[in-house]
Amino acid sequence: MTQNDQEIRQRFGKAIRRRRRELDITQEKLAELAELHRTYISNLERGDANPTLDMINRLAKALDISIAQLFTD
């Protein structure tokens, strides 16, 4: 993994965390809404996971945000 790959994952994780906090929901609630495991949400927010397009789509729907908004800051 390159430095750029890690930076992208970290920026994506921060976007997930920021939106989750805007909605005032826990990682557990987000996991439930997106049908994912809570530890996976934690890994995403730390930039330790590399989500698939399907996962990104599920997260965007659960966070009531567009996929594009998750990648623009």
PDB file of N, CA and C in Angstrom:
ATOM      1  N   MET A   1       0.841  -1.173   0.000  1.00  0.00           N
ATOM      2  CA  MET A   1       0.000   0.000   0.000  1.00  0.00           C
ATOM      3  C   MET A   1       0.892   1.244   0.000  1.00  0.00           C
ATOM      4  N   THR A   2       0.525   2.172  -0.859  1.00  0.00           N
ATOM      5  CA  THR A   2       1.305   3.401  -0.948  1.00  0.00           C
ATOM      6  C   THR A   2       0.815   4.422   0.073  1.00  0.00           C
ATOM      7  N   GLN A   3       1.597   5.448   0.264  1.00  0.00           N
ATOM      8  CA  GLN A   3       1.226   6.538   1.164  1.00  0.00           C
ATOM      9  C   GLN A   3      -0.074   7.184   0.699  1.00  0.00           C
ATOM     10  N   ASN A   4      -0.247   7.344  -0.612  1.00  0.00           N
ATOM     11  CA  ASN A   4      -1.445   7.946  -1.171  1.00  0.00           C
ATOM     12  C   ASN A   4      -2.677   7.085  -0.870  1.00  0.00           C
ATOM     13  N   ASP A   5      -2.533   5.764  -0.966  1.00  0.00           N
ATOM     14  CA  ASP A   5      -3.642   4.856  -0.648  1.00  0.00           C
ATOM     15  C   ASP A   5      -4.091   5.057   0.794  1.00  0.00           C
ATOM     16  N   GLN A   6      -3.138   5.128   1.705  1.00  0.00           N
ATOM     17  CA  GLN A   6      -3.455   5.306   3.118  1.00  0.00           C
ATOM     18  C   GLN A   6      -4.135   6.653   3.366  1.00  0.00           C
ATOM     19  N   GLU A   7      -3.666   7.701   2.686  1.00  0.00           N
ATOM     20  CA  GLU A   7      -4.266   9.025   2.848  1.00  0.00           C
ATOM     21  C   GLU A   7      -5.718   9.034   2.377  1.00  0.00           C
ATOM     22  N   ILE A   8      -5.997   8.367   1.278  1.00  0.00           N
ATOM     23  CA  ILE A   8      -7.367   8.288   0.753  1.00  0.00           C
ATOM     24  C   ILE A   8      -8.263   7.572   1.753  1.00  0.00           C
ATOM     25  N   ARG A   9      -7.786   6.469   2.300  1.00  0.00           N
ATOM     26  CA  ARG A   9      -8.567   5.722   3.286  1.00  0.00           C
ATOM     27  C   ARG A   9      -8.825   6.561   4.533  1.00  0.00           C
ATOM     28  N   GLN A  10      -7.831   7.297   4.969  1.00  0.00           N
ATOM     29  CA  GLN A  10      -7.995   8.129   6.167  1.00  0.00           C
ATOM     30  C   GLN A  10      -8.978   9.274   5.913  1.00  0.00           C
ATOM     31  N   ARG A  11      -8.897   9.898   4.738  1.00  0.00           N
ATOM     32  CA  ARG A  11      -9.842  10.974   4.410  1.00  0.00           C
ATOM     33  C   ARG A  11     -11.266  10.431   4.327  1.00  0.00           C
ATOM     34  N   PHE A  12     -11.421   9.254   3.724  1.00  0.00           N
ATOM     35  CA  PHE A  12     -12.738   8.635   3.633  1.00  0.00           C
ATOM     36  C   PHE A  12     -13.259   8.315   5.036  1.00  0.00           C
ATOM     37  N   GLY A  13     -12.412   7.777   5.870  1.00  0.00           N
ATOM     38  CA  GLY A  13     -12.805   7.460   7.246  1.00  0.00           C
ATOM     39  C   GLY A  13     -13.240   8.691   8.019  1.00  0.00           C
ATOM     40  N   LYS A  14     -12.528   9.788   7.824  1.00  0.00           N
ATOM     41  CA  LYS A  14     -12.898  11.037   8.501  1.00  0.00           C
ATOM     42  C   LYS A  14     -14.251  11.539   8.012  1.00  0.00           C
ATOM     43  N   ALA A  15     -14.514  11.366   6.721  1.00  0.00           N
ATOM     44  CA  ALA A  15     -15.809  11.784   6.167  1.00  0.00           C
ATOM     45  C   ALA A  15     -16.943  10.954   6.757  1.00  0.00           C
ATOM     46  N   ILE A  16     -16.709   9.653   6.915  1.00  0.00           N
ATOM     47  CA  ILE A  16     -17.708   8.781   7.530  1.00  0.00           C
ATOM     48  C   ILE A  16     -17.960   9.223   8.972  1.00  0.00           C
ATOM     49  N   ARG A  17     -16.904   9.424   9.725  1.00  0.00           N
ATOM     50  CA  ARG A  17     -17.026   9.824  11.126  1.00  0.00           C
ATOM     51  C   ARG A  17     -17.739  11.173  11.261  1.00  0.00           C
ATOM     52  N   ARG A  18     -17.343  12.131  10.425  1.00  0.00           N
ATOM     53  CA  ARG A  18     -17.938  13.467  10.484  1.00  0.00           C
ATOM     54  C   ARG A  18     -19.448  13.399  10.229  1.00  0.00           C
ATOM     55  N   ARG A  19     -19.834  12.675   9.178  1.00  0.00           N
ATOM     56  CA  ARG A  19     -21.264  12.579   8.854  1.00  0.00           C
ATOM     57  C   ARG A  19     -22.015  11.810   9.947  1.00  0.00           C
ATOM     58  N   ARG A  20     -21.423  10.773  10.469  1.00  0.00           N
ATOM     59  CA  ARG A  20     -22.061   9.993  11.536  1.00  0.00           C
ATOM     60  C   ARG A  20     -22.307  10.878  12.750  1.00  0.00           C
ATOM     61  N   ARG A  21     -21.339  11.703  13.074  1.00  0.00           N
ATOM     62  CA  ARG A  21     -21.486  12.602  14.224  1.00  0.00           C
ATOM     63  C   ARG A  21     -22.515  13.698  13.944  1.00  0.00           C
ATOM     64  N   GLU A  22     -22.574  14.176  12.689  1.00  0.00           N
ATOM     65  CA  GLU A  22     -23.604  15.149  12.316  1.00  0.00           C
ATOM     66  C   GLU A  22     -24.999  14.576  12.571  1.00  0.00           C
ATOM     67  N   LEU A  23     -25.152  13.296  12.278  1.00  0.00           N
ATOM     68  CA  LEU A  23     -26.430  12.625  12.478  1.00  0.00           C
ATOM     69  C   LEU A  23     -26.637  12.184  13.921  1.00  0.00           C
ATOM     70  N   ASP A  24     -25.597  12.333  14.723  1.00  0.00           N
ATOM     71  CA  ASP A  24     -25.625  11.957  16.133  1.00  0.00           C
ATOM     72  C   ASP A  24     -26.008  10.488  16.320  1.00  0.00           C
ATOM     73  N   ILE A  25     -25.306   9.628  15.566  1.00  0.00           N
ATOM     74  CA  ILE A  25     -25.525   8.188  15.718  1.00  0.00           C
ATOM     75  C   ILE A  25     -24.210   7.510  16.080  1.00  0.00           C
ATOM     76  N   THR A  26     -24.324   6.399  16.753  1.00  0.00           N
ATOM     77  CA  THR A  26     -23.147   5.641  17.173  1.00  0.00           C
ATOM     78  C   THR A  26     -22.627   4.789  16.017  1.00  0.00           C
ATOM     79  N   GLN A  27     -21.418   4.278  16.184  1.00  0.00           N
ATOM     80  CA  GLN A  27     -20.887   3.327  15.204  1.00  0.00           C
ATOM     81  C   GLN A  27     -21.796   2.110  15.129  1.00  0.00           C
ATOM     82  N   GLU A  28     -22.301   1.704  16.261  1.00  0.00           N
ATOM     83  CA  GLU A  28     -23.184   0.540  16.294  1.00  0.00           C
ATOM     84  C   GLU A  28     -24.454   0.785  15.488  1.00  0.00           C
ATOM     85  N   LYS A  29     -25.048   1.967  15.627  1.00  0.00           N
ATOM     86  CA  LYS A  29     -26.263   2.299  14.876  1.00  0.00           C
ATOM     87  C   LYS A  29     -25.957   2.371  13.381  1.00  0.00           C
ATOM     88  N   LEU A  30     -24.841   2.987  13.017  1.00  0.00           N
ATOM     89  CA  LEU A  30     -24.463   3.054  11.607  1.00  0.00           C
ATOM     90  C   LEU A  30     -24.269   1.651  11.051  1.00  0.00           C
ATOM     91  N   ALA A  31     -23.611   0.810  11.810  1.00  0.00           N
ATOM     92  CA  ALA A  31     -23.403  -0.572  11.372  1.00  0.00           C
ATOM     93  C   ALA A  31     -24.739  -1.265  11.138  1.00  0.00           C
ATOM     94  N   GLU A  32     -25.673  -1.045  12.030  1.00  0.00           N
ATOM     95  CA  GLU A  32     -27.002  -1.647  11.882  1.00  0.00           C
ATOM     96  C   GLU A  32     -27.694  -1.134  10.615  1.00  0.00           C
ATOM     97  N   LEU A  33     -27.653   0.181  10.405  1.00  0.00           N
ATOM     98  CA  LEU A  33     -28.302   0.779   9.238  1.00  0.00           C
ATOM     99  C   LEU A  33     -27.683   0.313   7.922  1.00  0.00           C
ATOM    100  N   ALA A  34     -26.360   0.137   7.922  1.00  0.00           N
ATOM    101  CA  ALA A  34     -25.641  -0.260   6.709  1.00  0.00           C
ATOM    102  C   ALA A  34     -25.503  -1.780   6.575  1.00  0.00           C
ATOM    103  N   GLU A  35     -25.998  -2.496   7.591  1.00  0.00           N
ATOM    104  CA  GLU A  35     -25.885  -3.957   7.626  1.00  0.00           C
ATOM    105  C   GLU A  35     -24.427  -4.407   7.559  1.00  0.00           C
ATOM    106  N   LEU A  36     -23.624  -3.767   8.408  1.00  0.00           N
ATOM    107  CA  LEU A  36     -22.207  -4.082   8.530  1.00  0.00           C
ATOM    108  C   LEU A  36     -21.900  -4.333  10.006  1.00  0.00           C
ATOM    109  N   HIS A  37     -20.712  -4.818  10.289  1.00  0.00           N
ATOM    110  CA  HIS A  37     -20.308  -5.060  11.669  1.00  0.00           C
ATOM    111  C   HIS A  37     -19.728  -3.780  12.257  1.00  0.00           C
ATOM    112  N   ARG A  38     -19.966  -3.549  13.554  1.00  0.00           N
ATOM    113  CA  ARG A  38     -19.478  -2.341  14.199  1.00  0.00           C
ATOM    114  C   ARG A  38     -17.956  -2.214  14.120  1.00  0.00           C
ATOM    115  N   THR A  39     -17.249  -3.310  14.244  1.00  0.00           N
ATOM    116  CA  THR A  39     -15.786  -3.223  14.177  1.00  0.00           C
ATOM    117  C   THR A  39     -15.321  -2.807  12.784  1.00  0.00           C
ATOM    118  N   TYR A  40     -16.102  -3.154  11.759  1.00  0.00           N
ATOM    119  CA  TYR A  40     -15.762  -2.726  10.402  1.00  0.00           C
ATOM    120  C   TYR A  40     -15.907  -1.206  10.288  1.00  0.00           C
ATOM    121  N   ILE A  41     -16.956  -0.655  10.897  1.00  0.00           N
ATOM    122  CA  ILE A  41     -17.142   0.801  10.895  1.00  0.00           C
ATOM    123  C   ILE A  41     -15.952   1.463  11.585  1.00  0.00           C
ATOM    124  N   SER A  42     -15.535   0.913  12.703  1.00  0.00           N
ATOM    125  CA  SER A  42     -14.386   1.442  13.429  1.00  0.00           C
ATOM    126  C   SER A  42     -13.134   1.403  12.548  1.00  0.00           C
ATOM    127  N   ASN A  43     -12.923   0.290  11.881  1.00  0.00           N
ATOM    128  CA  ASN A  43     -11.766   0.157  10.987  1.00  0.00           C
ATOM    129  C   ASN A  43     -11.828   1.177   9.854  1.00  0.00           C
ATOM    130  N   LEU A  44     -13.010   1.397   9.306  1.00  0.00           N
ATOM    131  CA  LEU A  44     -13.174   2.391   8.240  1.00  0.00           C
ATOM    132  C   LEU A  44     -12.813   3.782   8.738  1.00  0.00           C
ATOM    133  N   GLU A  45     -13.351   4.131   9.886  1.00  0.00           N
ATOM    134  CA  GLU A  45     -13.122   5.477  10.409  1.00  0.00           C
ATOM    135  C   GLU A  45     -11.651   5.733  10.727  1.00  0.00           C
ATOM    136  N   ARG A  46     -10.915   4.707  11.052  1.00  0.00           N
ATOM    137  CA  ARG A  46      -9.479   4.851  11.321  1.00  0.00           C
ATOM    138  C   ARG A  46      -8.652   4.794  10.042  1.00  0.00           C
ATOM    139  N   GLY A  47      -9.284   4.446   8.931  1.00  0.00           N
ATOM    140  CA  GLY A  47      -8.558   4.333   7.670  1.00  0.00           C
ATOM    141  C   GLY A  47      -7.866   2.994   7.507  1.00  0.00           C
ATOM    142  N   ASP A  48      -8.284   1.998   8.293  1.00  0.00           N
ATOM    143  CA  ASP A  48      -7.651   0.681   8.251  1.00  0.00           C
ATOM    144  C   ASP A  48      -8.344  -0.303   7.310  1.00  0.00           C
ATOM    145  N   ALA A  49      -9.495   0.074   6.766  1.00  0.00           N
ATOM    146  CA  ALA A  49     -10.231  -0.831   5.879  1.00  0.00           C
ATOM    147  C   ALA A  49     -10.310  -0.225   4.488  1.00  0.00           C
ATOM    148  N   ASN A  50     -10.390  -1.083   3.501  1.00  0.00           N
ATOM    149  CA  ASN A  50     -10.507  -0.672   2.105  1.00  0.00           C
ATOM    150  C   ASN A  50     -11.876  -1.129   1.612  1.00  0.00           C
ATOM    151  N   PRO A  51     -12.892  -0.247   1.692  1.00  0.00           N
ATOM    152  CA  PRO A  51     -14.250  -0.671   1.374  1.00  0.00           C
ATOM    153  C   PRO A  51     -14.466  -0.916  -0.115  1.00  0.00           C
ATOM    154  N   THR A  52     -15.359  -1.853  -0.389  1.00  0.00           N
ATOM    155  CA  THR A  52     -15.762  -2.111  -1.768  1.00  0.00           C
ATOM    156  C   THR A  52     -16.788  -1.058  -2.184  1.00  0.00           C
ATOM    157  N   LEU A  53     -17.092  -1.008  -3.459  1.00  0.00           N
ATOM    158  CA  LEU A  53     -18.116  -0.077  -3.936  1.00  0.00           C
ATOM    159  C   LEU A  53     -19.460  -0.376  -3.290  1.00  0.00           C
ATOM    160  N   ASP A  54     -19.761  -1.642  -3.098  1.00  0.00           N
ATOM    161  CA  ASP A  54     -21.004  -2.025  -2.450  1.00  0.00           C
ATOM    162  C   ASP A  54     -21.057  -1.475  -1.026  1.00  0.00           C
ATOM    163  N   MET A  55     -19.971  -1.595  -0.305  1.00  0.00           N
ATOM    164  CA  MET A  55     -19.910  -1.081   1.066  1.00  0.00           C
ATOM    165  C   MET A  55     -20.061   0.438   1.089  1.00  0.00           C
ATOM    166  N   ILE A  56     -19.412   1.111   0.163  1.00  0.00           N
ATOM    167  CA  ILE A  56     -19.502   2.572   0.085  1.00  0.00           C
ATOM    168  C   ILE A  56     -20.950   2.982  -0.189  1.00  0.00           C
ATOM    169  N   ASN A  57     -21.612   2.275  -1.074  1.00  0.00           N
ATOM    170  CA  ASN A  57     -23.008   2.559  -1.388  1.00  0.00           C
ATOM    171  C   ASN A  57     -23.894   2.359  -0.161  1.00  0.00           C
ATOM    172  N   ARG A  58     -23.688   1.268   0.561  1.00  0.00           N
ATOM    173  CA  ARG A  58     -24.478   0.994   1.763  1.00  0.00           C
ATOM    174  C   ARG A  58     -24.250   2.060   2.831  1.00  0.00           C
ATOM    175  N   LEU A  59     -23.007   2.488   2.983  1.00  0.00           N
ATOM    176  CA  LEU A  59     -22.692   3.528   3.960  1.00  0.00           C
ATOM    177  C   LEU A  59     -23.351   4.856   3.578  1.00  0.00           C
ATOM    178  N   ALA A  60     -23.266   5.217   2.306  1.00  0.00           N
ATOM    179  CA  ALA A  60     -23.865   6.470   1.852  1.00  0.00           C
ATOM    180  C   ALA A  60     -25.372   6.474   2.114  1.00  0.00           C
ATOM    181  N   LYS A  61     -26.026   5.372   1.806  1.00  0.00           N
ATOM    182  CA  LYS A  61     -27.469   5.289   2.059  1.00  0.00           C
ATOM    183  C   LYS A  61     -27.767   5.383   3.547  1.00  0.00           C
ATOM    184  N   ALA A  62     -26.997   4.685   4.360  1.00  0.00           N
ATOM    185  CA  ALA A  62     -27.213   4.699   5.809  1.00  0.00           C
ATOM    186  C   ALA A  62     -26.975   6.090   6.392  1.00  0.00           C
ATOM    187  N   LEU A  63     -26.058   6.837   5.797  1.00  0.00           N
ATOM    188  CA  LEU A  63     -25.728   8.179   6.271  1.00  0.00           C
ATOM    189  C   LEU A  63     -26.557   9.261   5.578  1.00  0.00           C
ATOM    190  N   ASP A  64     -27.440   8.840   4.670  1.00  0.00           N
ATOM    191  CA  ASP A  64     -28.302   9.767   3.934  1.00  0.00           C
ATOM    192  C   ASP A  64     -27.488  10.871   3.261  1.00  0.00           C
ATOM    193  N   ILE A  65     -26.504  10.418   2.495  1.00  0.00           N
ATOM    194  CA  ILE A  65     -25.579  11.322   1.815  1.00  0.00           C
ATOM    195  C   ILE A  65     -25.208  10.676   0.479  1.00  0.00           C
ATOM    196  N   SER A  66     -24.834  11.473  -0.487  1.00  0.00           N
ATOM    197  CA  SER A  66     -24.427  10.888  -1.768  1.00  0.00           C
ATOM    198  C   SER A  66     -23.017  10.317  -1.662  1.00  0.00           C
ATOM    199  N   ILE A  67     -22.732   9.373  -2.532  1.00  0.00           N
ATOM    200  CA  ILE A  67     -21.384   8.807  -2.576  1.00  0.00           C
ATOM    201  C   ILE A  67     -20.368   9.919  -2.863  1.00  0.00           C
ATOM    202  N   ALA A  68     -20.713  10.790  -3.786  1.00  0.00           N
ATOM    203  CA  ALA A  68     -19.796  11.889  -4.152  1.00  0.00           C
ATOM    204  C   ALA A  68     -19.461  12.758  -2.948  1.00  0.00           C
ATOM    205  N   GLN A  69     -20.449  13.011  -2.078  1.00  0.00           N
ATOM    206  CA  GLN A  69     -20.206  13.847  -0.909  1.00  0.00           C
ATOM    207  C   GLN A  69     -19.238  13.208   0.073  1.00  0.00           C
ATOM    208  N   LEU A  70     -19.171  11.890   0.061  1.00  0.00           N
ATOM    209  CA  LEU A  70     -18.227  11.206   0.945  1.00  0.00           C
ATOM    210  C   LEU A  70     -16.781  11.397   0.478  1.00  0.00           C
ATOM    211  N   PHE A  71     -16.613  11.762  -0.798  1.00  0.00           N
ATOM    212  CA  PHE A  71     -15.271  11.910  -1.334  1.00  0.00           C
ATOM    213  C   PHE A  71     -14.874  13.353  -1.556  1.00  0.00           C
ATOM    214  N   THR A  72     -15.801  14.269  -1.296  1.00  0.00           N
ATOM    215  CA  THR A  72     -15.470  15.692  -1.433  1.00  0.00           C
ATOM    216  C   THR A  72     -15.474  16.306  -0.057  1.00  0.00           C
ATOM    217  N   ASP A  73     -14.566  17.177   0.173  1.00  0.00           N
ATOM    218  CA  ASP A  73     -14.428  17.763   1.503  1.00  0.00           C
ATOM    219  C   ASP A  73     -14.433  19.269   1.399  1.00  0.00           C
TER     220      ASP A  73
END
